[in-house]
Protein backbone atom coordinates (compact mmCIF):
# COMPACT_ATOMS: atom_id res chain seq x y z
CA MET A 1 -1.35 -19.07 -21.10
CA THR A 2 -0.37 -22.15 -19.08
CA VAL A 3 0.42 -22.20 -15.37
CA ARG A 4 4.12 -22.63 -16.12
CA GLU A 5 4.05 -19.71 -18.52
CA LEU A 6 2.35 -17.61 -15.85
CA GLN A 7 5.07 -18.54 -13.37
CA LYS A 8 7.85 -17.74 -15.82
CA SER A 9 6.36 -14.33 -16.47
CA GLY A 10 7.03 -13.47 -12.83
CA ILE A 11 3.44 -12.53 -12.05
CA SER A 12 2.79 -12.08 -8.35
CA PHE A 13 0.31 -10.40 -6.05
CA LYS A 14 1.65 -7.98 -3.45
CA LEU A 15 -0.81 -6.79 -0.87
CA LYS A 16 -0.27 -3.28 0.47
CA PRO A 17 -3.74 -1.88 1.16
CA ASP A 18 -3.99 1.91 0.99
CA TYR A 19 -6.18 4.27 2.96
CA LYS A 20 -8.62 6.60 1.29
CA LEU A 21 -9.72 9.94 2.69
CA LYS A 22 -12.80 11.85 1.63
CA LEU A 23 -11.32 15.30 0.99
CA ILE A 24 -13.53 16.59 -1.78
CA ALA A 25 -13.95 20.23 -0.77
CA THR A 26 -12.51 22.69 -3.27
CA LYS A 27 -10.76 24.35 -0.35
CA MET A 28 -9.86 22.00 2.47
CA SER A 29 -10.18 23.13 6.06
CA ASN A 30 -7.11 23.28 8.26
CA THR A 31 -8.10 20.05 10.00
CA GLN A 32 -8.61 18.28 6.67
CA LEU A 33 -5.19 19.44 5.55
CA ALA A 34 -3.68 18.21 8.80
CA SER A 35 -5.34 14.81 8.42
CA SER A 36 -4.14 14.53 4.83
CA LYS A 37 -0.56 15.37 5.77
CA LEU A 38 -0.57 12.90 8.64
CA LEU A 39 -1.90 10.17 6.38
CA GLU A 40 0.85 10.84 3.85
CA GLN A 41 3.42 10.27 6.60
CA ILE A 42 1.67 7.09 7.76
CA THR A 43 1.54 5.72 4.22
CA ASP A 44 5.24 6.45 3.80
CA ILE A 45 6.04 4.50 6.97
CA HIS A 46 3.84 1.61 5.81
CA LEU A 47 5.43 1.44 2.36
CA LYS A 48 8.99 1.71 3.65
CA LYS A 49 8.40 -0.65 6.59
CA ASN A 50 10.14 2.00 8.68
CA GLN A 51 8.90 1.35 12.20
CA ASP A 52 10.35 4.42 13.90
CA GLU A 53 8.45 4.24 17.20
CA PHE A 54 9.29 7.82 18.14
CA SER A 55 7.71 9.09 14.90
CA LEU A 56 4.71 6.80 15.30
CA TYR A 57 3.97 7.99 18.85
CA ARG A 58 4.38 11.60 17.72
CA LEU A 59 1.92 11.00 14.89
CA ARG A 60 -0.48 9.30 17.28
CA ARG A 61 -0.46 12.31 19.61
CA GLU A 62 -1.16 14.62 16.68
CA ALA A 63 -4.02 12.41 15.47
CA GLU A 64 -5.52 12.17 18.96
CA SER A 65 -5.37 15.96 19.18
CA LEU A 66 -7.23 16.27 15.86
CA VAL A 67 -9.94 13.88 17.04
CA LYS A 68 -10.41 15.87 20.24
CA ARG A 69 -10.41 19.28 18.53
CA ALA A 70 -12.37 18.61 15.34
CA GLY A 71 -13.51 15.01 15.43
CA GLN A 72 -14.08 14.73 11.67
CA SER A 73 -14.32 11.29 10.09
CA SER A 74 -10.94 11.75 8.39
CA ASP A 75 -9.32 12.33 11.80
CA TYR A 76 -10.55 8.96 13.03
CA VAL A 77 -9.22 7.29 9.88
CA VAL A 78 -5.76 8.72 10.53
CA LEU A 79 -5.79 7.70 14.19
CA GLY A 80 -6.92 4.18 13.29
CA ALA A 81 -4.18 3.90 10.68
CA ILE A 82 -1.51 4.87 13.22
CA GLN A 83 -2.89 2.41 15.77
CA THR A 84 -2.65 -0.26 13.05
CA LEU A 85 1.05 0.45 12.55
CA LEU A 86 1.51 0.31 16.32
CA ASN A 87 0.00 -3.20 16.43
CA TYR A 88 -3.02 -2.17 18.55
CA PRO A 89 -5.96 -4.17 17.15
CA ASN A 90 -8.34 -3.40 20.03
CA LYS A 91 -7.70 0.33 19.82
CA VAL A 92 -8.22 0.20 16.05
CA ARG A 93 -11.63 -1.38 16.62
CA ASP A 94 -12.55 1.18 19.29
CA THR A 95 -11.52 4.11 17.10
CA PHE A 96 -13.38 3.04 13.98
CA ASN A 97 -16.46 1.84 15.85
CA GLN A 98 -16.68 5.22 17.55
CA ALA A 99 -16.30 6.97 14.20
CA ILE A 100 -18.97 4.82 12.56
CA SER A 101 -21.36 5.54 15.43
CA LEU A 102 -20.86 9.26 14.77
CA PHE A 103 -20.82 9.10 10.95
CA PRO A 104 -22.81 5.95 10.04
CA THR A 105 -23.46 6.96 6.43
CA GLU A 106 -19.86 7.68 5.37
CA HIS A 107 -18.70 4.72 3.36
CA GLU A 108 -15.07 5.86 3.54
CA LEU A 109 -15.04 4.93 7.22
CA TYR A 110 -16.10 1.38 6.43
CA VAL A 111 -13.53 0.86 3.70
CA ASN A 112 -10.72 2.41 5.74
CA TYR A 113 -11.69 0.27 8.71
CA SER A 114 -11.45 -2.69 6.35
CA VAL A 115 -7.98 -1.58 5.24
CA SER A 116 -6.81 -1.51 8.85
CA LEU A 117 -8.36 -4.90 9.61
CA SER A 118 -6.68 -6.37 6.54
CA ASN A 119 -3.32 -4.92 7.57
CA LEU A 120 -3.86 -6.64 10.93
CA GLY A 121 -4.57 -10.02 9.34
CA LEU A 122 -8.22 -9.95 10.46
CA MET A 123 -9.46 -10.97 7.05
CA SER A 124 -13.04 -12.06 7.77
CA ASP A 125 -13.89 -8.75 9.42
CA ALA A 126 -12.00 -6.85 6.73
CA ILE A 127 -14.20 -8.44 4.07
CA THR A 128 -17.36 -7.71 6.07
CA TYR A 129 -16.67 -3.97 6.26
CA ALA A 130 -15.45 -3.74 2.66
CA VAL A 131 -18.69 -5.35 1.45
CA ARG A 132 -20.69 -2.87 3.54
CA ALA A 133 -18.74 -0.02 1.97
CA TYR A 134 -19.45 -1.35 -1.51
CA GLU A 135 -23.17 -1.70 -0.74
CA MET A 136 -23.14 1.98 0.27
CA CYS A 137 -21.17 3.04 -2.80
CA PRO A 138 -21.59 0.47 -5.61
CA GLY A 139 -19.21 0.81 -8.53
CA ASP A 140 -16.39 2.37 -6.50
CA LEU A 141 -13.24 0.87 -8.04
CA PHE A 142 -11.15 1.63 -4.97
CA ILE A 143 -13.45 -0.63 -2.94
CA VAL A 144 -13.57 -3.29 -5.66
CA ASN A 145 -9.76 -3.38 -5.76
CA HIS A 146 -9.60 -3.61 -1.99
CA LEU A 147 -12.12 -6.46 -1.92
CA ILE A 148 -10.03 -8.37 -4.46
CA THR A 149 -6.95 -8.02 -2.24
CA CYS A 150 -8.96 -9.08 0.82
CA TYR A 151 -10.27 -12.22 -0.84
CA ILE A 152 -6.80 -13.13 -2.10
CA GLY A 153 -5.34 -12.44 1.34
CA SER A 154 -7.87 -14.80 2.89
CA GLY A 155 -7.32 -17.58 0.33
CA GLN A 156 -10.76 -17.16 -1.27
CA LEU A 157 -9.42 -17.14 -4.81
CA ALA A 158 -12.64 -18.07 -6.60
CA THR A 159 -14.41 -15.10 -4.99
CA ALA A 160 -11.45 -12.85 -5.82
CA LYS A 161 -11.85 -13.92 -9.46
CA LYS A 162 -15.54 -12.95 -9.38
CA TRP A 163 -14.64 -9.49 -8.10
CA CYS A 164 -12.06 -9.19 -10.88
CA GLY A 165 -15.02 -9.71 -13.21
CA LYS A 166 -16.85 -6.92 -11.37
CA TRP A 167 -13.79 -4.71 -11.87
CA HIS A 168 -13.85 -5.38 -15.61
CA GLN A 169 -17.57 -4.58 -15.76
CA GLU A 170 -16.95 -1.21 -14.14
CA ASN A 171 -13.70 -0.61 -16.03
CA PRO A 172 -14.00 -2.35 -19.46
CA GLN A 173 -10.77 -0.83 -20.78
CA GLU A 174 -8.58 -3.16 -18.73
CA SER A 175 -8.54 -6.36 -16.73
CA HIS A 176 -7.56 -6.21 -13.09
CA LYS A 177 -3.81 -6.47 -12.54
CA PHE A 178 -4.20 -9.56 -10.32
CA SER A 179 -6.44 -11.50 -12.72
CA ARG A 180 -3.69 -13.62 -14.24
CA VAL A 181 -2.06 -14.74 -11.00
CA ILE A 182 -5.50 -15.57 -9.58
CA GLU A 183 -6.37 -17.62 -12.66
CA GLY A 184 -3.03 -19.42 -12.51
CA ALA A 185 -3.45 -20.26 -8.83
CA ILE A 186 -7.01 -21.50 -9.37
CA LYS A 187 -5.84 -23.70 -12.23
CA ILE A 188 -3.22 -25.31 -9.99
CA LEU A 189 -5.84 -26.04 -7.33
CA GLU A 190 -8.38 -27.39 -9.80
CA ASN A 191 -5.85 -29.66 -11.52
CA SER A 192 -4.85 -31.05 -8.10
CA HIS A 193 -8.45 -31.33 -6.82
CA VAL A 194 -7.64 -29.04 -3.88
CA SER A 195 -10.68 -27.48 -2.21
CA GLU A 196 -10.90 -23.79 -1.39
CA ASP A 197 -11.85 -24.72 2.18
CA ALA A 198 -8.42 -26.32 2.64
CA VAL A 199 -6.73 -23.22 1.24
CA THR A 200 -8.64 -20.79 3.48
CA SER A 201 -7.97 -23.02 6.51
CA LEU A 202 -4.22 -22.79 5.97
CA PHE A 203 -4.37 -19.03 5.44
CA GLN A 204 -6.33 -18.62 8.67
CA MET A 205 -3.88 -20.87 10.50
CA ALA A 206 -0.97 -18.69 9.37
CA TYR A 207 -2.66 -15.54 10.69
CA SER A 208 -3.65 -17.29 13.93
CA VAL A 209 -0.03 -18.22 14.71
CA LEU A 210 0.89 -14.55 14.43
CA HIS A 211 -2.05 -13.38 16.50
CA ASP A 212 -1.29 -15.92 19.21
CA ASN A 213 2.12 -14.26 19.48
CA ASN A 214 0.57 -10.77 19.61
CA ILE A 215 1.74 -9.99 16.06
CA TYR A 216 -1.01 -8.30 14.08
CA TYR A 217 0.43 -5.63 11.83
CA ILE A 218 1.56 -7.13 8.51
CA PRO A 219 3.60 -4.73 6.34
CA ASP A 220 3.52 -6.87 3.20
CA ARG A 221 2.20 -10.09 1.68
CA GLU A 222 2.80 -11.73 -1.66
CA LEU A 223 1.08 -14.52 -3.58
CA TYR A 224 3.04 -16.05 -6.43
CA LEU A 225 3.51 -19.24 -8.43
CA GLN A 226 6.60 -21.43 -8.18
CA GLN A 227 7.83 -24.46 -10.06
CA ASP A 228 10.58 -27.02 -10.30
CA ASP A 229 11.23 -29.69 -12.92
CA GLU A 230 8.29 -31.78 -11.77
CA SER A 231 5.53 -29.58 -10.47
CA VAL A 232 4.10 -26.11 -9.87
CA TRP A 233 2.61 -24.77 -6.66
CA ILE A 234 1.28 -21.63 -5.00
CA ALA A 235 3.38 -19.72 -2.48
CA PHE A 236 2.15 -17.09 -0.05
CA ARG A 237 4.68 -14.97 1.85
CA ILE A 238 3.78 -12.97 4.95
CA ASP A 239 6.24 -10.34 6.17
CA VAL A 240 6.48 -9.70 9.90
CA LEU A 241 8.46 -7.01 11.67
CA ARG A 242 10.51 -9.40 13.76
CA PRO A 243 14.18 -10.53 13.69
CA VAL A 244 15.04 -13.59 11.64
CA ASP A 245 15.39 -15.88 14.66
CA GLU A 246 11.87 -15.02 15.82
CA VAL A 247 10.54 -15.55 12.31
CA VAL A 248 12.11 -19.02 12.32
CA ASP A 249 10.31 -19.80 15.58
CA LEU A 250 7.02 -18.64 14.08
CA SER A 251 7.59 -20.85 11.05
CA VAL A 252 8.24 -23.83 13.30
CA ALA A 253 5.03 -23.08 15.22
CA LEU A 254 3.07 -22.95 11.95
CA ALA A 255 4.60 -26.23 10.77
CA GLU A 256 3.76 -27.93 14.07
CA ARG A 257 0.19 -26.69 13.98
CA PHE A 258 -0.12 -27.78 10.36
CA ALA A 259 1.16 -31.26 11.23
CA GLU A 260 -1.61 -31.66 13.81
CA THR A 261 -4.25 -31.40 11.07
CA GLU A 262 -5.10 -33.36 7.96
CA LEU A 263 -4.57 -30.35 5.70
CA GLY A 264 -1.50 -31.96 4.15
CA LYS A 265 -3.68 -34.61 2.54
CA HIS A 266 -6.06 -32.02 1.12
CA LEU A 267 -3.48 -29.50 -0.10
CA ALA A 268 -1.34 -32.08 -1.95
CA ASN A 269 1.79 -29.90 -1.64
CA LYS A 270 0.19 -27.28 -3.87
CA LEU A 271 0.19 -24.42 -1.36
CA VAL A 272 3.08 -23.26 0.78
CA ILE A 273 2.77 -20.39 3.29
CA GLY A 274 5.83 -18.90 4.92
CA TYR A 275 6.87 -15.95 7.07
CA GLU A 276 9.71 -13.60 6.27
CA SER A 277 11.38 -10.90 8.32
CA GLY A 278 10.19 -7.53 7.10
CA LEU A 279 12.86 -5.61 8.98
CA GLU A 280 15.15 -3.57 6.77
């Protein structure tokens, strides 16, 4: 299938990392049930982009109470997830680091920490903890899938493709759902002689502009292929929970920062990154 055929098929990559709790007991304890219910509510808020601060602070109080009363690893995961939605990167780090110090052998903590870091646009650290989780639990398809999304979200498409191969090794019945869009994007870059270093630099720049404005939580991202009558290119959209006028200002800041570099020469108009208001 050609790049243009891939684009016409409407293939895209949407990044919405999910949390995973280790609740394997045949009969869950009351605290495990409470953690599971809280996480369901958090996931619902994340998927709907419904930033009801009153609900979030209520959920945070409940999670903090669980940590104080029971202090199970799942309680820390829930608290870290809520702090992610509240745009508190330092508190997320404190919560998960404390949990890992208490439960250093539970790989679920590492992968859930990675999910939070990814949702905060801290892609390098997200990859580090996801790799650690995979080393502790090789063959886990949840972790493999998450690593693929992390590498795509950081612009490391060649590495994402390798992990798609790992997915297929572990799950021979089907290719990974993002394989085709990754292959199409790589083909565009190869045909235009664009280096992966240039791609990852622009991705990092886009996250840095947000972080410099104290915007960390990212409700959604999408990688897709676009075309006109003359060319095809890769587009990467980052949703932010800000009004349209603020999103415009962020886009201007990104464009100004981009203009100060020589990335334009290296990217050859084959990659466009933009922000979009995620408010509903």
